[in-house]
Amino acid sequence: MDTNKLIDNSPTFDQRPWGSFTVLDGSEYYKVKRIEVLPGKRLSYQSHAKRAEHWYVVSGIAKVTLNGEEILVNAGESVDIAVGTAHRVENPETEGTLVFIEVQTGNYFGEDDIVRYEDDFGRNS
C-alpha cells in the first residue's frame, strides 16, 4: 500500500469558549458532530439558510430555544431544527457537561451560513 495516498479521516476537534466539538463524519450532503457544552454556557442564538440540524442528547439536559420558545431536551431525546429556524442550545446545569450529537443535512456547511442574533462571546455574523 502506498502510504502517500492515505486519506486523513481522523476526527477534527475544535475548542470554543462554550465547550468543544468534534467532527465525526461528513460528505457534501451531511456533517456529524459531537458537541460538548460546559455548565452554564450556551452557543449563539443563530440560524442557517442552507442546512437543517438534528440534535440527539447523549448526556445532560439541553435547554433549547427555537424561534423564541424554550424547551428542555433530556438524555435519550432529540430535537429537529429546520432550515431558517432561529436556535440556541444551552447547558443549564451547574455541574456536568452537556453532550449531544448534531447531524447537519443540506448542501452547504460553511461557517458563513451562520446568522448570529445574540452571542455571549462577542462574535458577529
PDB file of N, CA and C in Angstrom:
ATOM      1  N   MET A   1       0.842  -1.179   0.000  1.00  0.00           N
ATOM      2  CA  MET A   1       0.000   0.000   0.000  1.00  0.00           C
ATOM      3  C   MET A   1       0.884   1.238   0.000  1.00  0.00           C
ATOM      4  N   ASP A   2       0.578   2.195  -0.852  1.00  0.00           N
ATOM      5  CA  ASP A   2       1.322   3.440  -0.934  1.00  0.00           C
ATOM      6  C   ASP A   2       0.826   4.388   0.158  1.00  0.00           C
ATOM      7  N   THR A   3       1.647   4.629   1.188  1.00  0.00           N
ATOM      8  CA  THR A   3       1.225   5.471   2.312  1.00  0.00           C
ATOM      9  C   THR A   3       1.077   6.936   1.929  1.00  0.00           C
ATOM     10  N   ASN A   4       1.623   7.352   0.797  1.00  0.00           N
ATOM     11  CA  ASN A   4       1.462   8.737   0.358  1.00  0.00           C
ATOM     12  C   ASN A   4       0.032   9.030  -0.095  1.00  0.00           C
ATOM     13  N   LYS A   5      -0.750   7.981  -0.339  1.00  0.00           N
ATOM     14  CA  LYS A   5      -2.117   8.170  -0.824  1.00  0.00           C
ATOM     15  C   LYS A   5      -3.173   7.946   0.249  1.00  0.00           C
ATOM     16  N   LEU A   6      -2.742   7.786   1.510  1.00  0.00           N
ATOM     17  CA  LEU A   6      -3.704   7.608   2.589  1.00  0.00           C
ATOM     18  C   LEU A   6      -4.450   8.913   2.830  1.00  0.00           C
ATOM     19  N   ILE A   7      -5.714   8.789   3.128  1.00  0.00           N
ATOM     20  CA  ILE A   7      -6.544   9.957   3.420  1.00  0.00           C
ATOM     21  C   ILE A   7      -6.687  10.073   4.928  1.00  0.00           C
ATOM     22  N   ASP A   8      -6.446  11.287   5.452  1.00  0.00           N
ATOM     23  CA  ASP A   8      -6.619  11.530   6.886  1.00  0.00           C
ATOM     24  C   ASP A   8      -8.099  11.743   7.168  1.00  0.00           C
ATOM     25  N   ASN A   9      -8.739  10.740   7.742  1.00  0.00           N
ATOM     26  CA  ASN A   9     -10.153  10.871   8.088  1.00  0.00           C
ATOM     27  C   ASN A   9     -10.355  10.878   9.600  1.00  0.00           C
ATOM     28  N   SER A  10      -9.299  11.290  10.333  1.00  0.00           N
ATOM     29  CA  SER A  10      -9.425  11.375  11.784  1.00  0.00           C
ATOM     30  C   SER A  10     -10.355  12.531  12.153  1.00  0.00           C
ATOM     31  N   PRO A  11     -11.020  12.423  13.291  1.00  0.00           N
ATOM     32  CA  PRO A  11     -11.942  13.483  13.697  1.00  0.00           C
ATOM     33  C   PRO A  11     -11.247  14.836  13.842  1.00  0.00           C
ATOM     34  N   THR A  12     -11.975  15.904  13.567  1.00  0.00           N
ATOM     35  CA  THR A  12     -11.479  17.259  13.722  1.00  0.00           C
ATOM     36  C   THR A  12     -12.028  17.831  15.016  1.00  0.00           C
ATOM     37  N   PHE A  13     -11.130  18.221  15.923  1.00  0.00           N
ATOM     38  CA  PHE A  13     -11.510  18.757  17.232  1.00  0.00           C
ATOM     39  C   PHE A  13     -11.323  20.264  17.227  1.00  0.00           C
ATOM     40  N   ASP A  14     -12.284  20.994  17.845  1.00  0.00           N
ATOM     41  CA  ASP A  14     -12.188  22.449  17.930  1.00  0.00           C
ATOM     42  C   ASP A  14     -12.676  22.901  19.297  1.00  0.00           C
ATOM     43  N   GLN A  15     -11.824  23.629  20.015  1.00  0.00           N
ATOM     44  CA  GLN A  15     -12.175  24.186  21.327  1.00  0.00           C
ATOM     45  C   GLN A  15     -12.854  25.528  21.117  1.00  0.00           C
ATOM     46  N   ARG A  16     -13.923  25.788  21.860  1.00  0.00           N
ATOM     47  CA  ARG A  16     -14.654  27.053  21.794  1.00  0.00           C
ATOM     48  C   ARG A  16     -14.845  27.592  23.209  1.00  0.00           C
ATOM     49  N   PRO A  17     -15.219  28.864  23.370  1.00  0.00           N
ATOM     50  CA  PRO A  17     -15.398  29.405  24.725  1.00  0.00           C
ATOM     51  C   PRO A  17     -16.523  28.726  25.508  1.00  0.00           C
ATOM     52  N   TRP A  18     -17.471  28.111  24.815  1.00  0.00           N
ATOM     53  CA  TRP A  18     -18.603  27.433  25.461  1.00  0.00           C
ATOM     54  C   TRP A  18     -18.355  25.946  25.677  1.00  0.00           C
ATOM     55  N   GLY A  19     -17.283  25.390  25.100  1.00  0.00           N
ATOM     56  CA  GLY A  19     -17.003  23.956  25.191  1.00  0.00           C
ATOM     57  C   GLY A  19     -16.169  23.514  24.013  1.00  0.00           C
ATOM     58  N   SER A  20     -16.645  22.482  23.285  1.00  0.00           N
ATOM     59  CA  SER A  20     -15.883  21.984  22.142  1.00  0.00           C
ATOM     60  C   SER A  20     -16.776  21.182  21.216  1.00  0.00           C
ATOM     61  N   PHE A  21     -16.247  20.924  20.011  1.00  0.00           N
ATOM     62  CA  PHE A  21     -16.922  19.987  19.113  1.00  0.00           C
ATOM     63  C   PHE A  21     -15.892  19.175  18.362  1.00  0.00           C
ATOM     64  N   THR A  22     -16.318  17.992  17.963  1.00  0.00           N
ATOM     65  CA  THR A  22     -15.503  17.096  17.160  1.00  0.00           C
ATOM     66  C   THR A  22     -16.314  16.697  15.943  1.00  0.00           C
ATOM     67  N   VAL A  23     -15.778  16.932  14.749  1.00  0.00           N
ATOM     68  CA  VAL A  23     -16.445  16.489  13.525  1.00  0.00           C
ATOM     69  C   VAL A  23     -16.143  15.007  13.360  1.00  0.00           C
ATOM     70  N   LEU A  24     -17.197  14.190  13.371  1.00  0.00           N
ATOM     71  CA  LEU A  24     -17.044  12.742  13.310  1.00  0.00           C
ATOM     72  C   LEU A  24     -17.093  12.198  11.897  1.00  0.00           C
ATOM     73  N   ASP A  25     -17.902  12.839  11.033  1.00  0.00           N
ATOM     74  CA  ASP A  25     -18.083  12.329   9.671  1.00  0.00           C
ATOM     75  C   ASP A  25     -18.708  13.427   8.828  1.00  0.00           C
ATOM     76  N   GLY A  26     -18.618  13.276   7.528  1.00  0.00           N
ATOM     77  CA  GLY A  26     -19.254  14.243   6.657  1.00  0.00           C
ATOM     78  C   GLY A  26     -19.077  13.909   5.187  1.00  0.00           C
ATOM     79  N   SER A  27     -19.915  14.533   4.379  1.00  0.00           N
ATOM     80  CA  SER A  27     -19.836  14.435   2.927  1.00  0.00           C
ATOM     81  C   SER A  27     -20.373  15.746   2.376  1.00  0.00           C
ATOM     82  N   GLU A  28     -20.641  15.788   1.091  1.00  0.00           N
ATOM     83  CA  GLU A  28     -21.196  17.020   0.536  1.00  0.00           C
ATOM     84  C   GLU A  28     -22.657  17.225   0.931  1.00  0.00           C
ATOM     85  N   TYR A  29     -23.309  16.211   1.540  1.00  0.00           N
ATOM     86  CA  TYR A  29     -24.722  16.300   1.896  1.00  0.00           C
ATOM     87  C   TYR A  29     -25.007  16.251   3.397  1.00  0.00           C
ATOM     88  N   TYR A  30     -24.000  15.957   4.233  1.00  0.00           N
ATOM     89  CA  TYR A  30     -24.214  15.895   5.675  1.00  0.00           C
ATOM     90  C   TYR A  30     -22.911  16.110   6.429  1.00  0.00           C
ATOM     91  N   LYS A  31     -23.045  16.466   7.710  1.00  0.00           N
ATOM     92  CA  LYS A  31     -21.911  16.556   8.631  1.00  0.00           C
ATOM     93  C   LYS A  31     -22.414  16.092   9.993  1.00  0.00           C
ATOM     94  N   VAL A  32     -21.577  15.309  10.699  1.00  0.00           N
ATOM     95  CA  VAL A  32     -21.927  14.789  12.015  1.00  0.00           C
ATOM     96  C   VAL A  32     -20.898  15.293  13.027  1.00  0.00           C
ATOM     97  N   LYS A  33     -21.394  15.915  14.112  1.00  0.00           N
ATOM     98  CA  LYS A  33     -20.519  16.452  15.148  1.00  0.00           C
ATOM     99  C   LYS A  33     -20.911  15.915  16.520  1.00  0.00           C
ATOM    100  N   ARG A  34     -19.913  15.759  17.390  1.00  0.00           N
ATOM    101  CA  ARG A  34     -20.126  15.509  18.821  1.00  0.00           C
ATOM    102  C   ARG A  34     -19.847  16.837  19.493  1.00  0.00           C
ATOM    103  N   ILE A  35     -20.841  17.396  20.191  1.00  0.00           N
ATOM    104  CA  ILE A  35     -20.715  18.724  20.785  1.00  0.00           C
ATOM    105  C   ILE A  35     -20.806  18.613  22.299  1.00  0.00           C
ATOM    106  N   GLU A  36     -19.880  19.286  22.998  1.00  0.00           N
ATOM    107  CA  GLU A  36     -19.863  19.337  24.455  1.00  0.00           C
ATOM    108  C   GLU A  36     -20.033  20.786  24.887  1.00  0.00           C
ATOM    109  N   VAL A  37     -21.007  21.025  25.774  1.00  0.00           N
ATOM    110  CA  VAL A  37     -21.265  22.369  26.281  1.00  0.00           C
ATOM    111  C   VAL A  37     -21.005  22.380  27.787  1.00  0.00           C
ATOM    112  N   LEU A  38     -20.141  23.278  28.215  1.00  0.00           N
ATOM    113  CA  LEU A  38     -19.768  23.380  29.625  1.00  0.00           C
ATOM    114  C   LEU A  38     -20.944  23.882  30.471  1.00  0.00           C
ATOM    115  N   PRO A  39     -20.938  23.573  31.768  1.00  0.00           N
ATOM    116  CA  PRO A  39     -22.023  24.018  32.647  1.00  0.00           C
ATOM    117  C   PRO A  39     -22.217  25.544  32.578  1.00  0.00           C
ATOM    118  N   GLY A  40     -23.473  25.969  32.440  1.00  0.00           N
ATOM    119  CA  GLY A  40     -23.806  27.384  32.416  1.00  0.00           C
ATOM    120  C   GLY A  40     -23.483  28.108  31.123  1.00  0.00           C
ATOM    121  N   LYS A  41     -22.979  27.416  30.124  1.00  0.00           N
ATOM    122  CA  LYS A  41     -22.606  28.053  28.849  1.00  0.00           C
ATOM    123  C   LYS A  41     -23.657  27.779  27.787  1.00  0.00           C
ATOM    124  N   ARG A  42     -23.645  28.617  26.747  1.00  0.00           N
ATOM    125  CA  ARG A  42     -24.576  28.444  25.636  1.00  0.00           C
ATOM    126  C   ARG A  42     -23.921  28.909  24.342  1.00  0.00           C
ATOM    127  N   LEU A  43     -24.418  28.364  23.244  1.00  0.00           N
ATOM    128  CA  LEU A  43     -23.940  28.744  21.922  1.00  0.00           C
ATOM    129  C   LEU A  43     -24.710  29.984  21.454  1.00  0.00           C
ATOM    130  N   SER A  44     -24.319  30.513  20.313  1.00  0.00           N
ATOM    131  CA  SER A  44     -25.002  31.674  19.737  1.00  0.00           C
ATOM    132  C   SER A  44     -26.459  31.356  19.436  1.00  0.00           C
ATOM    133  N   TYR A  45     -27.304  32.387  19.519  1.00  0.00           N
ATOM    134  CA  TYR A  45     -28.675  32.290  19.003  1.00  0.00           C
ATOM    135  C   TYR A  45     -28.528  32.596  17.528  1.00  0.00           C
ATOM    136  N   GLN A  46     -28.809  31.616  16.663  1.00  0.00           N
ATOM    137  CA  GLN A  46     -28.429  31.687  15.256  1.00  0.00           C
ATOM    138  C   GLN A  46     -29.415  30.971  14.357  1.00  0.00           C
ATOM    139  N   SER A  47     -29.223  31.151  13.064  1.00  0.00           N
ATOM    140  CA  SER A  47     -29.984  30.387  12.066  1.00  0.00           C
ATOM    141  C   SER A  47     -29.078  30.099  10.888  1.00  0.00           C
ATOM    142  N   HIS A  48     -29.545  29.184  10.026  1.00  0.00           N
ATOM    143  CA  HIS A  48     -28.807  28.786   8.824  1.00  0.00           C
ATOM    144  C   HIS A  48     -29.761  28.783   7.638  1.00  0.00           C
ATOM    145  N   ALA A  49     -29.289  29.232   6.495  1.00  0.00           N
ATOM    146  CA  ALA A  49     -30.113  29.277   5.285  1.00  0.00           C
ATOM    147  C   ALA A  49     -29.986  28.015   4.439  1.00  0.00           C
ATOM    148  N   LYS A  50     -28.907  27.227   4.673  1.00  0.00           N
ATOM    149  CA  LYS A  50     -28.645  26.112   3.762  1.00  0.00           C
ATOM    150  C   LYS A  50     -28.547  24.753   4.429  1.00  0.00           C
ATOM    151  N   ARG A  51     -28.883  24.679   5.709  1.00  0.00           N
ATOM    152  CA  ARG A  51     -28.816  23.379   6.380  1.00  0.00           C
ATOM    153  C   ARG A  51     -29.832  23.269   7.499  1.00  0.00           C
ATOM    154  N   ALA A  52     -30.288  22.042   7.720  1.00  0.00           N
ATOM    155  CA  ALA A  52     -31.123  21.685   8.863  1.00  0.00           C
ATOM    156  C   ALA A  52     -30.240  20.917   9.838  1.00  0.00           C
ATOM    157  N   GLU A  53     -30.687  20.814  11.090  1.00  0.00           N
ATOM    158  CA  GLU A  53     -29.917  20.090  12.094  1.00  0.00           C
ATOM    159  C   GLU A  53     -30.831  19.188  12.915  1.00  0.00           C
ATOM    160  N   HIS A  54     -30.259  18.076  13.362  1.00  0.00           N
ATOM    161  CA  HIS A  54     -30.937  17.147  14.272  1.00  0.00           C
ATOM    162  C   HIS A  54     -29.995  16.963  15.452  1.00  0.00           C
ATOM    163  N   TRP A  55     -30.477  17.221  16.667  1.00  0.00           N
ATOM    164  CA  TRP A  55     -29.670  17.083  17.866  1.00  0.00           C
ATOM    165  C   TRP A  55     -30.189  15.930  18.707  1.00  0.00           C
ATOM    166  N   TYR A  56     -29.305  15.004  19.047  1.00  0.00           N
ATOM    167  CA  TYR A  56     -29.629  13.879  19.928  1.00  0.00           C
ATOM    168  C   TYR A  56     -28.793  14.038  21.193  1.00  0.00           C
ATOM    169  N   VAL A  57     -29.448  14.229  22.329  1.00  0.00           N
ATOM    170  CA  VAL A  57     -28.753  14.447  23.590  1.00  0.00           C
ATOM    171  C   VAL A  57     -28.271  13.106  24.141  1.00  0.00           C
ATOM    172  N   VAL A  58     -26.964  13.024  24.373  1.00  0.00           N
ATOM    173  CA  VAL A  58     -26.337  11.809  24.880  1.00  0.00           C
ATOM    174  C   VAL A  58     -26.262  11.835  26.403  1.00  0.00           C
ATOM    175  N   SER A  59     -25.863  12.984  26.969  1.00  0.00           N
ATOM    176  CA  SER A  59     -25.819  13.116  28.426  1.00  0.00           C
ATOM    177  C   SER A  59     -26.070  14.560  28.824  1.00  0.00           C
ATOM    178  N   GLY A  60     -26.726  14.710  29.964  1.00  0.00           N
ATOM    179  CA  GLY A  60     -27.071  16.036  30.452  1.00  0.00           C
ATOM    180  C   GLY A  60     -28.460  16.450  29.995  1.00  0.00           C
ATOM    181  N   ILE A  61     -28.753  17.726  30.204  1.00  0.00           N
ATOM    182  CA  ILE A  61     -30.024  18.317  29.791  1.00  0.00           C
ATOM    183  C   ILE A  61     -29.716  19.513  28.910  1.00  0.00           C
ATOM    184  N   ALA A  62     -30.360  19.581  27.764  1.00  0.00           N
ATOM    185  CA  ALA A  62     -30.185  20.708  26.850  1.00  0.00           C
ATOM    186  C   ALA A  62     -31.371  21.651  26.979  1.00  0.00           C
ATOM    187  N   LYS A  63     -31.081  22.915  27.215  1.00  0.00           N
ATOM    188  CA  LYS A  63     -32.120  23.945  27.152  1.00  0.00           C
ATOM    189  C   LYS A  63     -32.041  24.502  25.728  1.00  0.00           C
ATOM    190  N   VAL A  64     -33.067  24.211  24.934  1.00  0.00           N
ATOM    191  CA  VAL A  64     -33.061  24.546  23.513  1.00  0.00           C
ATOM    192  C   VAL A  64     -34.062  25.670  23.254  1.00  0.00           C
ATOM    193  N   THR A  65     -33.637  26.685  22.520  1.00  0.00           N
ATOM    194  CA  THR A  65     -34.518  27.776  22.105  1.00  0.00           C
ATOM    195  C   THR A  65     -34.733  27.651  20.603  1.00  0.00           C
ATOM    196  N   LEU A  66     -36.007  27.579  20.188  1.00  0.00           N
ATOM    197  CA  LEU A  66     -36.385  27.503  18.777  1.00  0.00           C
ATOM    198  C   LEU A  66     -37.359  28.640  18.490  1.00  0.00           C
ATOM    199  N   ASN A  67     -36.925  29.598  17.677  1.00  0.00           N
ATOM    200  CA  ASN A  67     -37.763  30.768  17.352  1.00  0.00           C
ATOM    201  C   ASN A  67     -38.378  31.394  18.602  1.00  0.00           C
ATOM    202  N   GLY A  68     -37.578  31.541  19.649  1.00  0.00           N
ATOM    203  CA  GLY A  68     -38.014  32.211  20.862  1.00  0.00           C
ATOM    204  C   GLY A  68     -38.679  31.330  21.903  1.00  0.00           C
ATOM    205  N   GLU A  69     -39.005  30.082  21.570  1.00  0.00           N
ATOM    206  CA  GLU A  69     -39.648  29.152  22.502  1.00  0.00           C
ATOM    207  C   GLU A  69     -38.598  28.229  23.117  1.00  0.00           C
ATOM    208  N   GLU A  70     -38.585  28.124  24.446  1.00  0.00           N
ATOM    209  CA  GLU A  70     -37.620  27.279  25.144  1.00  0.00           C
ATOM    210  C   GLU A  70     -38.223  25.930  25.505  1.00  0.00           C
ATOM    211  N   ILE A  71     -37.417  24.877  25.302  1.00  0.00           N
ATOM    212  CA  ILE A  71     -37.806  23.525  25.709  1.00  0.00           C
ATOM    213  C   ILE A  71     -36.593  22.856  26.351  1.00  0.00           C
ATOM    214  N   LEU A  72     -36.844  21.865  27.201  1.00  0.00           N
ATOM    215  CA  LEU A  72     -35.768  21.061  27.767  1.00  0.00           C
ATOM    216  C   LEU A  72     -35.736  19.724  27.043  1.00  0.00           C
ATOM    217  N   VAL A  73     -34.541  19.303  26.652  1.00  0.00           N
ATOM    218  CA  VAL A  73     -34.350  18.038  25.957  1.00  0.00           C
ATOM    219  C   VAL A  73     -33.404  17.204  26.814  1.00  0.00           C
ATOM    220  N   ASN A  74     -33.900  16.071  27.296  1.00  0.00           N
ATOM    221  CA  ASN A  74     -33.137  15.202  28.191  1.00  0.00           C
ATOM    222  C   ASN A  74     -32.322  14.177  27.419  1.00  0.00           C
ATOM    223  N   ALA A  75     -31.387  13.543  28.111  1.00  0.00           N
ATOM    224  CA  ALA A  75     -30.595  12.468  27.513  1.00  0.00           C
ATOM    225  C   ALA A  75     -31.533  11.410  26.942  1.00  0.00           C
ATOM    226  N   GLY A  76     -31.253  10.966  25.723  1.00  0.00           N
ATOM    227  CA  GLY A  76     -32.091   9.982  25.051  1.00  0.00           C
ATOM    228  C   GLY A  76     -33.177  10.606  24.190  1.00  0.00           C
ATOM    229  N   GLU A  77     -33.303  11.919  24.228  1.00  0.00           N
ATOM    230  CA  GLU A  77     -34.300  12.628  23.424  1.00  0.00           C
ATOM    231  C   GLU A  77     -33.604  13.444  22.340  1.00  0.00           C
ATOM    232  N   SER A  78     -34.397  13.895  21.361  1.00  0.00           N
ATOM    233  CA  SER A  78     -33.823  14.658  20.258  1.00  0.00           C
ATOM    234  C   SER A  78     -34.733  15.802  19.855  1.00  0.00           C
ATOM    235  N   VAL A  79     -34.192  16.695  19.056  1.00  0.00           N
ATOM    236  CA  VAL A  79     -34.948  17.828  18.542  1.00  0.00           C
ATOM    237  C   VAL A  79     -34.459  18.112  17.116  1.00  0.00           C
ATOM    238  N   ASP A  80     -35.388  18.534  16.263  1.00  0.00           N
ATOM    239  CA  ASP A  80     -35.063  18.880  14.881  1.00  0.00           C
ATOM    240  C   ASP A  80     -35.134  20.384  14.694  1.00  0.00           C
ATOM    241  N   ILE A  81     -34.158  20.931  13.971  1.00  0.00           N
ATOM    242  CA  ILE A  81     -34.102  22.358  13.676  1.00  0.00           C
ATOM    243  C   ILE A  81     -34.185  22.510  12.161  1.00  0.00           C
ATOM    244  N   ALA A  82     -35.295  23.054  11.681  1.00  0.00           N
ATOM    245  CA  ALA A  82     -35.499  23.229  10.240  1.00  0.00           C
ATOM    246  C   ALA A  82     -34.638  24.369   9.710  1.00  0.00           C
ATOM    247  N   VAL A  83     -34.369  24.346   8.413  1.00  0.00           N
ATOM    248  CA  VAL A  83     -33.646  25.428   7.745  1.00  0.00           C
ATOM    249  C   VAL A  83     -34.342  26.746   8.071  1.00  0.00           C
ATOM    250  N   GLY A  84     -33.559  27.761   8.459  1.00  0.00           N
ATOM    251  CA  GLY A  84     -34.102  29.085   8.732  1.00  0.00           C
ATOM    252  C   GLY A  84     -34.615  29.302  10.142  1.00  0.00           C
ATOM    253  N   THR A  85     -34.676  28.257  10.967  1.00  0.00           N
ATOM    254  CA  THR A  85     -35.164  28.383  12.339  1.00  0.00           C
ATOM    255  C   THR A  85     -34.083  29.003  13.219  1.00  0.00           C
ATOM    256  N   ALA A  86     -34.437  30.054  13.961  1.00  0.00           N
ATOM    257  CA  ALA A  86     -33.513  30.627  14.946  1.00  0.00           C
ATOM    258  C   ALA A  86     -33.408  29.635  16.103  1.00  0.00           C
ATOM    259  N   HIS A  87     -32.175  29.303  16.493  1.00  0.00           N
ATOM    260  CA  HIS A  87     -31.986  28.274  17.510  1.00  0.00           C
ATOM    261  C   HIS A  87     -30.767  28.538  18.381  1.00  0.00           C
ATOM    262  N   ARG A  88     -30.817  27.927  19.570  1.00  0.00           N
ATOM    263  CA  ARG A  88     -29.706  28.014  20.517  1.00  0.00           C
ATOM    264  C   ARG A  88     -29.783  26.805  21.427  1.00  0.00           C
ATOM    265  N   VAL A  89     -28.617  26.348  21.888  1.00  0.00           N
ATOM    266  CA  VAL A  89     -28.565  25.292  22.897  1.00  0.00           C
ATOM    267  C   VAL A  89     -27.746  25.812  24.070  1.00  0.00           C
ATOM    268  N   GLU A  90     -28.202  25.421  25.261  1.00  0.00           N
ATOM    269  CA  GLU A  90     -27.556  25.876  26.498  1.00  0.00           C
ATOM    270  C   GLU A  90     -27.481  24.710  27.466  1.00  0.00           C
ATOM    271  N   ASN A  91     -26.421  24.686  28.271  1.00  0.00           N
ATOM    272  CA  ASN A  91     -26.321  23.728  29.367  1.00  0.00           C
ATOM    273  C   ASN A  91     -26.750  24.458  30.633  1.00  0.00           C
ATOM    274  N   PRO A  92     -27.983  24.221  31.122  1.00  0.00           N
ATOM    275  CA  PRO A  92     -28.486  24.954  32.274  1.00  0.00           C
ATOM    276  C   PRO A  92     -27.956  24.442  33.616  1.00  0.00           C
ATOM    277  N   GLU A  93     -27.220  23.354  33.581  1.00  0.00           N
ATOM    278  CA  GLU A  93     -26.729  22.722  34.809  1.00  0.00           C
ATOM    279  C   GLU A  93     -25.519  23.475  35.364  1.00  0.00           C
ATOM    280  N   THR A  94     -25.294  23.349  36.688  1.00  0.00           N
ATOM    281  CA  THR A  94     -24.124  23.965  37.321  1.00  0.00           C
ATOM    282  C   THR A  94     -22.945  23.001  37.375  1.00  0.00           C
ATOM    283  N   GLU A  95     -23.220  21.725  37.131  1.00  0.00           N
ATOM    284  CA  GLU A  95     -22.166  20.707  37.084  1.00  0.00           C
ATOM    285  C   GLU A  95     -22.461  19.756  35.937  1.00  0.00           C
ATOM    286  N   GLY A  96     -21.435  19.204  35.346  1.00  0.00           N
ATOM    287  CA  GLY A  96     -21.596  18.214  34.288  1.00  0.00           C
ATOM    288  C   GLY A  96     -21.697  18.840  32.912  1.00  0.00           C
ATOM    289  N   THR A  97     -21.093  18.186  31.968  1.00  0.00           N
ATOM    290  CA  THR A  97     -21.053  18.650  30.590  1.00  0.00           C
ATOM    291  C   THR A  97     -22.245  18.096  29.813  1.00  0.00           C
ATOM    292  N   LEU A  98     -22.892  18.948  29.044  1.00  0.00           N
ATOM    293  CA  LEU A  98     -23.936  18.526  28.113  1.00  0.00           C
ATOM    294  C   LEU A  98     -23.234  17.963  26.884  1.00  0.00           C
ATOM    295  N   VAL A  99     -23.620  16.766  26.459  1.00  0.00           N
ATOM    296  CA  VAL A  99     -23.057  16.154  25.259  1.00  0.00           C
ATOM    297  C   VAL A  99     -24.198  15.788  24.329  1.00  0.00           C
ATOM    298  N   PHE A 100     -24.106  16.234  23.069  1.00  0.00           N
ATOM    299  CA  PHE A 100     -25.106  15.834  22.086  1.00  0.00           C
ATOM    300  C   PHE A 100     -24.456  15.619  20.731  1.00  0.00           C
ATOM    301  N   ILE A 101     -25.139  14.835  19.914  1.00  0.00           N
ATOM    302  CA  ILE A 101     -24.697  14.562  18.550  1.00  0.00           C
ATOM    303  C   ILE A 101     -25.537  15.430  17.619  1.00  0.00           C
ATOM    304  N   GLU A 102     -24.864  16.166  16.758  1.00  0.00           N
ATOM    305  CA  GLU A 102     -25.541  17.038  15.794  1.00  0.00           C
ATOM    306  C   GLU A 102     -25.345  16.461  14.398  1.00  0.00           C
ATOM    307  N   VAL A 103     -26.456  16.225  13.708  1.00  0.00           N
ATOM    308  CA  VAL A 103     -26.402  15.786  12.314  1.00  0.00           C
ATOM    309  C   VAL A 103     -26.934  16.933  11.462  1.00  0.00           C
ATOM    310  N   GLN A 104     -26.067  17.486  10.638  1.00  0.00           N
ATOM    311  CA  GLN A 104     -26.444  18.559   9.722  1.00  0.00           C
ATOM    312  C   GLN A 104     -26.742  17.951   8.363  1.00  0.00           C
ATOM    313  N   THR A 105     -27.838  18.377   7.746  1.00  0.00           N
ATOM    314  CA  THR A 105     -28.151  17.941   6.386  1.00  0.00           C
ATOM    315  C   THR A 105     -28.433  19.165   5.538  1.00  0.00           C
ATOM    316  N   GLY A 106     -28.046  19.090   4.295  1.00  0.00           N
ATOM    317  CA  GLY A 106     -28.227  20.213   3.382  1.00  0.00           C
ATOM    318  C   GLY A 106     -27.220  20.122   2.255  1.00  0.00           C
ATOM    319  N   ASN A 107     -26.907  21.285   1.685  1.00  0.00           N
ATOM    320  CA  ASN A 107     -25.944  21.269   0.579  1.00  0.00           C
ATOM    321  C   ASN A 107     -24.765  22.204   0.825  1.00  0.00           C
ATOM    322  N   TYR A 108     -24.692  22.813   2.045  1.00  0.00           N
ATOM    323  CA  TYR A 108     -23.565  23.686   2.367  1.00  0.00           C
ATOM    324  C   TYR A 108     -23.430  23.769   3.884  1.00  0.00           C
ATOM    325  N   PHE A 109     -22.184  23.649   4.388  1.00  0.00           N
ATOM    326  CA  PHE A 109     -21.957  23.580   5.824  1.00  0.00           C
ATOM    327  C   PHE A 109     -20.915  24.583   6.310  1.00  0.00           C
ATOM    328  N   GLY A 110     -20.611  25.585   5.511  1.00  0.00           N
ATOM    329  CA  GLY A 110     -19.598  26.576   5.863  1.00  0.00           C
ATOM    330  C   GLY A 110     -20.025  27.478   7.011  1.00  0.00           C
ATOM    331  N   GLU A 111     -19.021  28.032   7.699  1.00  0.00           N
ATOM    332  CA  GLU A 111     -19.269  28.944   8.814  1.00  0.00           C
ATOM    333  C   GLU A 111     -19.965  30.229   8.363  1.00  0.00           C
ATOM    334  N   ASP A 112     -19.867  30.579   7.078  1.00  0.00           N
ATOM    335  CA  ASP A 112     -20.519  31.799   6.595  1.00  0.00           C
ATOM    336  C   ASP A 112     -22.018  31.599   6.353  1.00  0.00           C
ATOM    337  N   ASP A 113     -22.555  30.416   6.686  1.00  0.00           N
ATOM    338  CA  ASP A 113     -24.005  30.179   6.647  1.00  0.00           C
ATOM    339  C   ASP A 113     -24.600  30.309   8.051  1.00  0.00           C
ATOM    340  N   ILE A 114     -23.934  31.063   8.909  1.00  0.00           N
ATOM    341  CA  ILE A 114     -24.436  31.314  10.255  1.00  0.00           C
ATOM    342  C   ILE A 114     -24.828  32.780  10.367  1.00  0.00           C
ATOM    343  N   VAL A 115     -26.084  33.031  10.707  1.00  0.00           N
ATOM    344  CA  VAL A 115     -26.543  34.371  11.050  1.00  0.00           C
ATOM    345  C   VAL A 115     -26.700  34.381  12.560  1.00  0.00           C
ATOM    346  N   ARG A 116     -25.888  35.191  13.257  1.00  0.00           N
ATOM    347  CA  ARG A 116     -25.940  35.267  14.724  1.00  0.00           C
ATOM    348  C   ARG A 116     -26.816  36.436  15.140  1.00  0.00           C
ATOM    349  N   TYR A 117     -27.795  36.152  15.999  1.00  0.00           N
ATOM    350  CA  TYR A 117     -28.683  37.183  16.539  1.00  0.00           C
ATOM    351  C   TYR A 117     -28.206  37.646  17.912  1.00  0.00           C
ATOM    352  N   GLU A 118     -27.664  36.722  18.710  1.00  0.00           N
ATOM    353  CA  GLU A 118     -27.103  37.017  20.018  1.00  0.00           C
ATOM    354  C   GLU A 118     -25.897  36.102  20.222  1.00  0.00           C
ATOM    355  N   ASP A 119     -24.866  36.633  20.917  1.00  0.00           N
ATOM    356  CA  ASP A 119     -23.688  35.814  21.191  1.00  0.00           C
ATOM    357  C   ASP A 119     -23.026  36.302  22.475  1.00  0.00           C
ATOM    358  N   ASP A 120     -22.799  35.401  23.402  1.00  0.00           N
ATOM    359  CA  ASP A 120     -22.197  35.750  24.694  1.00  0.00           C
ATOM    360  C   ASP A 120     -20.708  36.062  24.584  1.00  0.00           C
ATOM    361  N   PHE A 121     -20.112  35.788  23.444  1.00  0.00           N
ATOM    362  CA  PHE A 121     -18.662  35.919  23.303  1.00  0.00           C
ATOM    363  C   PHE A 121     -18.248  36.974  22.276  1.00  0.00           C
ATOM    364  N   GLY A 122     -19.182  37.850  21.890  1.00  0.00           N
ATOM    365  CA  GLY A 122     -18.867  38.977  21.020  1.00  0.00           C
ATOM    366  C   GLY A 122     -18.633  38.634  19.565  1.00  0.00           C
ATOM    367  N   ARG A 123     -19.072  37.451  19.138  1.00  0.00           N
ATOM    368  CA  ARG A 123     -18.912  37.091  17.730  1.00  0.00           C
ATOM    369  C   ARG A 123     -20.099  37.646  16.953  1.00  0.00           C
ATOM    370  N   ASN A 124     -19.821  38.202  15.811  1.00  0.00           N
ATOM    371  CA  ASN A 124     -20.877  38.738  14.926  1.00  0.00           C
ATOM    372  C   ASN A 124     -21.020  37.855  13.714  1.00  0.00           C
ATOM    373  N   SER A 125     -22.133  38.020  13.002  1.00  0.00           N
ATOM    374  CA  SER A 125     -22.362  37.241  11.764  1.00  0.00           C
ATOM    375  C   SER A 125     -21.337  37.590  10.726  1.00  0.00           C
TER     376      SER A 125
END
